């Protein structure tokens, strides 16, 4: 399985971050789990990572957050260095989104959209789509 530098959970709800990390941990995708409670914290954490396209950071991004929401994060993400953008895979994890927001996602480097809550099946679908050598089943 492709190695990940880190998984960054971006959600303002600590319970959601805890449950997501609990679902991810048994998969042993990385030893580094990072949590950001808004888009600005996430940008700061990404800038500090030493990820590469071969060992990327997986970002699981909520859209509704204070300070800097998911759409604001995606806009600001475009200004990060190309090396950071190339080493980051963003998957939006949301309860629901407006059709306007869904249309805007196409403008950004979003690898996918998954509905909350994350489940092992949803996680495996993300992994099969975006990472090499994930076991089928």
N, C-alpha and C. Protein backbone atom coordinates (compact mmCIF):
# COMPACT_ATOMS: atom_id res chain seq x y z
N UNK A 1 0.84 -1.18 0.00
CA UNK A 1 0.00 0.00 0.00
C UNK A 1 0.87 1.23 0.00
N UNK A 2 0.48 2.21 -0.76
CA UNK A 2 1.22 3.46 -0.80
C UNK A 2 1.26 4.08 0.58
N UNK A 3 2.39 4.57 0.96
CA UNK A 3 2.57 5.18 2.27
C UNK A 3 2.09 6.62 2.27
N UNK A 4 1.51 7.03 3.38
CA UNK A 4 1.08 8.41 3.54
C UNK A 4 1.97 9.10 4.56
N UNK A 5 2.34 10.34 4.29
CA UNK A 5 3.07 11.12 5.27
C UNK A 5 2.19 11.39 6.46
N UNK A 6 0.92 11.74 6.19
CA UNK A 6 -0.02 12.06 7.27
C UNK A 6 -1.44 12.04 6.72
N UNK A 7 -2.37 11.96 7.65
CA UNK A 7 -3.79 12.19 7.35
C UNK A 7 -4.19 13.40 8.17
N UNK A 8 -4.74 14.38 7.48
CA UNK A 8 -5.16 15.63 8.12
C UNK A 8 -6.68 15.67 8.14
N UNK A 9 -7.24 15.62 9.34
CA UNK A 9 -8.68 15.71 9.53
C UNK A 9 -9.03 17.17 9.79
N UNK A 10 -9.87 17.74 8.93
CA UNK A 10 -10.21 19.15 9.05
C UNK A 10 -11.71 19.26 9.30
N UNK A 11 -12.05 19.46 10.56
CA UNK A 11 -13.45 19.56 10.97
C UNK A 11 -13.48 20.28 12.31
N UNK A 12 -14.46 21.16 12.49
CA UNK A 12 -14.55 21.90 13.74
C UNK A 12 -15.20 21.10 14.86
N UNK A 13 -15.71 19.91 14.56
CA UNK A 13 -16.36 19.06 15.56
C UNK A 13 -15.37 18.03 16.09
N UNK A 14 -14.92 18.17 17.33
CA UNK A 14 -13.95 17.22 17.88
C UNK A 14 -14.46 15.78 17.86
N UNK A 15 -15.74 15.57 18.07
CA UNK A 15 -16.29 14.20 18.05
C UNK A 15 -16.13 13.57 16.67
N UNK A 16 -16.40 14.35 15.62
CA UNK A 16 -16.25 13.84 14.26
C UNK A 16 -14.80 13.49 13.99
N UNK A 17 -13.87 14.35 14.38
CA UNK A 17 -12.45 14.06 14.19
C UNK A 17 -12.04 12.79 14.93
N UNK A 18 -12.53 12.62 16.14
CA UNK A 18 -12.20 11.44 16.93
C UNK A 18 -12.73 10.18 16.25
N UNK A 19 -13.99 10.20 15.81
CA UNK A 19 -14.58 9.04 15.15
C UNK A 19 -13.88 8.72 13.84
N UNK A 20 -13.53 9.76 13.08
CA UNK A 20 -12.82 9.54 11.82
C UNK A 20 -11.45 8.92 12.06
N UNK A 21 -10.75 9.44 13.06
CA UNK A 21 -9.43 8.88 13.36
C UNK A 21 -9.56 7.44 13.85
N UNK A 22 -10.58 7.16 14.64
CA UNK A 22 -10.80 5.79 15.12
C UNK A 22 -11.08 4.84 13.96
N UNK A 23 -11.77 5.33 12.93
CA UNK A 23 -12.05 4.49 11.76
C UNK A 23 -10.80 4.30 10.90
N UNK A 24 -9.95 5.31 10.86
CA UNK A 24 -8.74 5.25 10.03
C UNK A 24 -7.60 4.47 10.68
N UNK A 25 -7.46 4.58 11.98
CA UNK A 25 -6.30 4.02 12.67
C UNK A 25 -6.08 2.53 12.39
N UNK A 26 -7.13 1.69 12.45
CA UNK A 26 -6.90 0.26 12.20
C UNK A 26 -6.38 -0.05 10.79
N UNK A 27 -6.56 0.87 9.85
CA UNK A 27 -6.08 0.65 8.49
C UNK A 27 -4.56 0.82 8.38
N UNK A 28 -3.93 1.40 9.39
CA UNK A 28 -2.48 1.59 9.46
C UNK A 28 -1.92 2.23 8.20
N UNK A 29 -2.53 3.33 7.79
CA UNK A 29 -2.09 4.04 6.59
C UNK A 29 -0.94 4.99 6.88
N UNK A 30 -0.83 5.41 8.11
CA UNK A 30 0.20 6.36 8.52
C UNK A 30 0.35 6.29 10.03
N UNK A 31 1.42 6.87 10.52
CA UNK A 31 1.57 7.00 11.97
C UNK A 31 1.27 8.42 12.41
N UNK A 32 0.98 9.29 11.45
CA UNK A 32 0.76 10.70 11.76
C UNK A 32 -0.66 11.12 11.40
N UNK A 33 -1.42 11.44 12.44
CA UNK A 33 -2.78 11.96 12.26
C UNK A 33 -2.77 13.39 12.79
N UNK A 34 -3.19 14.30 11.95
CA UNK A 34 -3.23 15.71 12.32
C UNK A 34 -4.69 16.16 12.33
N UNK A 35 -4.99 17.12 13.20
CA UNK A 35 -6.34 17.64 13.29
C UNK A 35 -6.30 19.15 13.22
N UNK A 36 -7.18 19.70 12.39
CA UNK A 36 -7.35 21.14 12.29
C UNK A 36 -8.84 21.43 12.48
N UNK A 37 -9.13 22.49 13.20
CA UNK A 37 -10.53 22.83 13.49
C UNK A 37 -11.10 23.87 12.53
N UNK A 38 -10.27 24.33 11.61
CA UNK A 38 -10.74 25.24 10.56
C UNK A 38 -9.73 25.23 9.42
N UNK A 39 -10.10 25.86 8.32
CA UNK A 39 -9.26 25.85 7.14
C UNK A 39 -7.91 26.52 7.33
N UNK A 40 -7.86 27.56 8.15
CA UNK A 40 -6.58 28.25 8.36
C UNK A 40 -5.59 27.35 9.09
N UNK A 41 -6.07 26.66 10.14
CA UNK A 41 -5.19 25.72 10.84
C UNK A 41 -4.69 24.65 9.87
N UNK A 42 -5.57 24.18 8.99
CA UNK A 42 -5.19 23.15 8.02
C UNK A 42 -4.11 23.65 7.07
N UNK A 43 -4.25 24.87 6.58
CA UNK A 43 -3.23 25.44 5.69
C UNK A 43 -1.88 25.52 6.39
N UNK A 44 -1.90 25.96 7.64
CA UNK A 44 -0.66 26.06 8.41
C UNK A 44 0.00 24.69 8.60
N UNK A 45 -0.81 23.68 8.90
CA UNK A 45 -0.27 22.33 9.08
C UNK A 45 0.29 21.77 7.77
N UNK A 46 -0.42 22.00 6.67
CA UNK A 46 0.07 21.51 5.37
C UNK A 46 1.40 22.13 4.99
N UNK A 47 1.53 23.41 5.24
CA UNK A 47 2.77 24.11 4.89
C UNK A 47 3.96 23.57 5.68
N UNK A 48 3.70 22.97 6.84
CA UNK A 48 4.78 22.46 7.69
C UNK A 48 5.12 21.00 7.39
N UNK A 49 4.38 20.34 6.52
CA UNK A 49 4.62 18.92 6.22
C UNK A 49 5.72 18.77 5.18
N UNK A 50 6.38 17.63 5.21
CA UNK A 50 7.41 17.33 4.20
C UNK A 50 6.92 16.18 3.32
N UNK A 51 5.71 16.31 2.83
CA UNK A 51 5.12 15.28 1.99
C UNK A 51 5.67 15.37 0.58
N UNK A 52 5.53 14.26 -0.15
CA UNK A 52 5.91 14.19 -1.56
C UNK A 52 4.75 13.52 -2.30
N UNK A 53 4.73 13.62 -3.63
CA UNK A 53 3.68 12.89 -4.36
C UNK A 53 3.71 11.38 -4.11
N UNK A 54 4.89 10.84 -3.79
CA UNK A 54 5.02 9.42 -3.50
C UNK A 54 4.52 9.08 -2.10
N UNK A 55 4.59 10.03 -1.18
CA UNK A 55 4.10 9.87 0.19
C UNK A 55 3.27 11.11 0.54
N UNK A 56 2.05 11.18 0.00
CA UNK A 56 1.25 12.40 0.14
C UNK A 56 0.56 12.52 1.50
N UNK A 57 -0.05 13.67 1.69
CA UNK A 57 -0.93 13.91 2.82
C UNK A 57 -2.36 13.76 2.30
N UNK A 58 -3.16 12.99 3.01
CA UNK A 58 -4.58 12.88 2.70
C UNK A 58 -5.32 13.85 3.59
N UNK A 59 -6.06 14.77 2.98
CA UNK A 59 -6.85 15.75 3.72
C UNK A 59 -8.32 15.37 3.60
N UNK A 60 -8.96 15.16 4.75
CA UNK A 60 -10.39 14.91 4.80
C UNK A 60 -11.03 16.21 5.29
N UNK A 61 -11.67 16.93 4.38
CA UNK A 61 -12.07 18.33 4.59
C UNK A 61 -13.57 18.49 4.76
N UNK A 62 -13.96 19.01 5.91
CA UNK A 62 -15.35 19.43 6.13
C UNK A 62 -15.54 20.78 5.46
N UNK A 63 -16.75 21.13 5.12
CA UNK A 63 -17.00 22.40 4.44
C UNK A 63 -17.50 23.49 5.37
N UNK A 64 -18.26 23.14 6.39
CA UNK A 64 -18.87 24.13 7.28
C UNK A 64 -18.04 24.26 8.55
N UNK A 65 -17.20 25.31 8.60
CA UNK A 65 -16.34 25.55 9.75
C UNK A 65 -16.21 27.04 9.99
N UNK A 66 -15.87 27.43 11.21
CA UNK A 66 -15.62 28.86 11.48
C UNK A 66 -14.23 29.27 10.97
N UNK A 67 -13.93 30.52 11.07
CA UNK A 67 -12.66 31.16 10.70
C UNK A 67 -12.44 31.08 9.20
N UNK A 68 -12.16 29.91 8.67
CA UNK A 68 -11.99 29.70 7.23
C UNK A 68 -12.67 28.38 6.90
N UNK A 69 -13.78 28.47 6.16
CA UNK A 69 -14.54 27.26 5.84
C UNK A 69 -13.85 26.45 4.75
N UNK A 70 -14.47 25.34 4.37
CA UNK A 70 -13.86 24.46 3.38
C UNK A 70 -13.63 25.12 2.04
N UNK A 71 -14.60 25.91 1.57
CA UNK A 71 -14.43 26.58 0.28
C UNK A 71 -13.30 27.61 0.36
N UNK A 72 -13.22 28.31 1.48
CA UNK A 72 -12.12 29.25 1.67
C UNK A 72 -10.77 28.55 1.71
N UNK A 73 -10.73 27.37 2.34
CA UNK A 73 -9.51 26.57 2.35
C UNK A 73 -9.10 26.21 0.94
N UNK A 74 -10.06 25.74 0.15
CA UNK A 74 -9.75 25.33 -1.23
C UNK A 74 -9.22 26.51 -2.05
N UNK A 75 -9.78 27.68 -1.85
CA UNK A 75 -9.31 28.87 -2.56
C UNK A 75 -7.88 29.21 -2.13
N UNK A 76 -7.62 29.22 -0.83
CA UNK A 76 -6.30 29.55 -0.31
C UNK A 76 -5.27 28.47 -0.65
N UNK A 77 -5.71 27.22 -0.74
CA UNK A 77 -4.83 26.11 -1.08
C UNK A 77 -4.14 26.34 -2.42
N UNK A 78 -4.83 26.99 -3.35
CA UNK A 78 -4.27 27.26 -4.68
C UNK A 78 -3.03 28.13 -4.62
N UNK A 79 -2.88 28.90 -3.54
CA UNK A 79 -1.73 29.80 -3.40
C UNK A 79 -0.52 29.12 -2.75
N UNK A 80 -0.71 27.90 -2.25
CA UNK A 80 0.43 27.18 -1.65
C UNK A 80 1.41 26.79 -2.75
N UNK A 81 2.66 26.55 -2.40
CA UNK A 81 3.65 26.14 -3.41
C UNK A 81 3.19 24.89 -4.16
N UNK A 82 3.58 24.80 -5.42
CA UNK A 82 3.20 23.67 -6.26
C UNK A 82 3.63 22.34 -5.64
N UNK A 83 4.76 22.32 -4.94
CA UNK A 83 5.23 21.08 -4.33
C UNK A 83 4.27 20.60 -3.24
N UNK A 84 3.68 21.53 -2.49
CA UNK A 84 2.71 21.17 -1.45
C UNK A 84 1.42 20.68 -2.10
N UNK A 85 0.96 21.39 -3.12
CA UNK A 85 -0.28 20.99 -3.80
C UNK A 85 -0.14 19.60 -4.43
N UNK A 86 1.03 19.32 -5.02
CA UNK A 86 1.24 18.03 -5.68
C UNK A 86 1.30 16.88 -4.68
N UNK A 87 1.61 17.17 -3.43
CA UNK A 87 1.76 16.15 -2.41
C UNK A 87 0.55 16.07 -1.49
N UNK A 88 -0.57 16.62 -1.93
CA UNK A 88 -1.78 16.67 -1.11
C UNK A 88 -2.97 16.13 -1.89
N UNK A 89 -3.68 15.22 -1.28
CA UNK A 89 -4.92 14.70 -1.86
C UNK A 89 -6.06 15.15 -0.95
N UNK A 90 -7.00 15.89 -1.51
CA UNK A 90 -8.11 16.43 -0.73
C UNK A 90 -9.39 15.69 -1.08
N UNK A 91 -10.05 15.20 -0.04
CA UNK A 91 -11.36 14.60 -0.18
C UNK A 91 -12.31 15.38 0.72
N UNK A 92 -13.38 15.90 0.15
CA UNK A 92 -14.38 16.64 0.90
C UNK A 92 -15.29 15.64 1.58
N UNK A 93 -15.50 15.85 2.87
CA UNK A 93 -16.40 15.01 3.67
C UNK A 93 -17.47 15.93 4.24
N UNK A 94 -18.69 15.81 3.74
CA UNK A 94 -19.74 16.75 4.13
C UNK A 94 -21.07 16.03 4.32
N UNK A 95 -21.93 16.63 5.15
CA UNK A 95 -23.28 16.11 5.34
C UNK A 95 -24.09 16.39 4.09
N UNK A 96 -24.05 17.63 3.64
CA UNK A 96 -24.74 18.02 2.41
C UNK A 96 -24.08 19.29 1.89
N UNK A 97 -24.28 19.54 0.59
CA UNK A 97 -23.72 20.75 -0.02
C UNK A 97 -24.73 21.31 -1.00
N UNK A 98 -24.71 22.62 -1.14
CA UNK A 98 -25.59 23.25 -2.11
C UNK A 98 -25.09 22.93 -3.52
N UNK A 99 -25.98 23.02 -4.49
CA UNK A 99 -25.57 22.74 -5.87
C UNK A 99 -24.53 23.76 -6.33
N UNK A 100 -24.61 25.00 -5.81
CA UNK A 100 -23.61 26.01 -6.17
C UNK A 100 -22.23 25.60 -5.67
N UNK A 101 -22.16 25.12 -4.42
CA UNK A 101 -20.88 24.67 -3.87
C UNK A 101 -20.36 23.44 -4.61
N UNK A 102 -21.26 22.53 -4.93
CA UNK A 102 -20.84 21.35 -5.70
C UNK A 102 -20.24 21.74 -7.03
N UNK A 103 -20.84 22.71 -7.70
CA UNK A 103 -20.31 23.19 -8.97
C UNK A 103 -18.95 23.84 -8.82
N UNK A 104 -18.73 24.53 -7.69
CA UNK A 104 -17.45 25.19 -7.46
C UNK A 104 -16.32 24.19 -7.22
N UNK A 105 -16.64 23.02 -6.68
CA UNK A 105 -15.60 22.04 -6.39
C UNK A 105 -14.81 21.66 -7.64
N UNK A 106 -15.45 21.72 -8.78
CA UNK A 106 -14.78 21.36 -10.03
C UNK A 106 -13.60 22.28 -10.34
N UNK A 107 -13.60 23.49 -9.79
CA UNK A 107 -12.51 24.44 -10.04
C UNK A 107 -11.26 24.13 -9.22
N UNK A 108 -11.40 23.27 -8.22
CA UNK A 108 -10.31 23.04 -7.29
C UNK A 108 -9.76 21.63 -7.40
N UNK A 109 -8.64 21.42 -6.75
CA UNK A 109 -7.96 20.12 -6.77
C UNK A 109 -8.58 19.19 -5.74
N UNK A 110 -9.83 18.83 -5.95
CA UNK A 110 -10.51 17.93 -5.03
C UNK A 110 -10.58 16.55 -5.68
N UNK A 111 -10.07 15.56 -4.95
CA UNK A 111 -10.03 14.20 -5.48
C UNK A 111 -11.36 13.49 -5.36
N UNK A 112 -12.20 13.93 -4.43
CA UNK A 112 -13.48 13.26 -4.26
C UNK A 112 -14.35 13.93 -3.24
N UNK A 113 -15.57 13.44 -3.16
CA UNK A 113 -16.58 13.94 -2.23
C UNK A 113 -17.23 12.73 -1.59
N UNK A 114 -17.27 12.70 -0.26
CA UNK A 114 -17.85 11.60 0.49
C UNK A 114 -18.83 12.18 1.50
N UNK A 115 -19.95 11.51 1.68
CA UNK A 115 -20.92 11.98 2.67
C UNK A 115 -20.55 11.50 4.07
N UNK A 116 -20.87 12.33 5.05
CA UNK A 116 -20.67 11.95 6.45
C UNK A 116 -21.78 11.00 6.84
N UNK A 117 -21.52 10.14 7.78
CA UNK A 117 -20.25 9.88 8.45
C UNK A 117 -19.36 8.96 7.63
N UNK A 118 -18.07 9.05 7.88
CA UNK A 118 -17.14 8.12 7.23
C UNK A 118 -17.37 6.73 7.80
N UNK A 119 -17.31 5.76 6.93
CA UNK A 119 -17.43 4.36 7.35
C UNK A 119 -16.23 3.61 6.76
N UNK A 120 -15.95 2.42 7.25
CA UNK A 120 -14.85 1.64 6.66
C UNK A 120 -15.04 1.44 5.15
N UNK A 121 -16.26 1.19 4.70
CA UNK A 121 -16.49 1.00 3.27
C UNK A 121 -16.18 2.27 2.48
N UNK A 122 -16.60 3.41 2.99
CA UNK A 122 -16.31 4.68 2.31
C UNK A 122 -14.82 4.95 2.29
N UNK A 123 -14.16 4.66 3.40
CA UNK A 123 -12.70 4.85 3.46
C UNK A 123 -12.00 3.97 2.44
N UNK A 124 -12.41 2.71 2.35
CA UNK A 124 -11.76 1.81 1.40
C UNK A 124 -12.02 2.27 -0.04
N UNK A 125 -13.19 2.82 -0.32
CA UNK A 125 -13.47 3.33 -1.67
C UNK A 125 -12.54 4.50 -1.99
N UNK A 126 -12.33 5.39 -1.03
CA UNK A 126 -11.40 6.52 -1.22
C UNK A 126 -10.00 5.98 -1.50
N UNK A 127 -9.57 5.03 -0.71
CA UNK A 127 -8.22 4.49 -0.85
C UNK A 127 -8.03 3.79 -2.19
N UNK A 128 -9.02 3.01 -2.61
CA UNK A 128 -8.90 2.32 -3.90
C UNK A 128 -8.83 3.32 -5.06
N UNK A 129 -9.57 4.42 -4.94
CA UNK A 129 -9.58 5.42 -6.01
C UNK A 129 -8.29 6.23 -6.09
N UNK A 130 -7.68 6.49 -4.95
CA UNK A 130 -6.60 7.48 -4.94
C UNK A 130 -5.23 6.99 -4.52
N UNK A 131 -5.13 5.73 -4.12
CA UNK A 131 -3.84 5.23 -3.68
C UNK A 131 -3.54 3.89 -4.32
N UNK A 132 -2.27 3.68 -4.63
CA UNK A 132 -1.84 2.44 -5.27
C UNK A 132 -1.88 1.27 -4.29
N UNK A 133 -2.07 0.10 -4.85
CA UNK A 133 -1.90 -1.17 -4.13
C UNK A 133 -2.79 -1.33 -2.92
N UNK A 134 -4.03 -0.87 -3.01
CA UNK A 134 -4.96 -1.11 -1.92
C UNK A 134 -5.65 -2.44 -2.19
N UNK A 135 -5.71 -3.27 -1.18
CA UNK A 135 -6.33 -4.59 -1.35
C UNK A 135 -7.80 -4.44 -1.70
N UNK A 136 -8.26 -5.23 -2.65
CA UNK A 136 -9.66 -5.22 -3.08
C UNK A 136 -10.43 -6.21 -2.20
N UNK A 137 -11.12 -5.71 -1.20
CA UNK A 137 -11.94 -6.62 -0.40
C UNK A 137 -11.29 -7.04 0.81
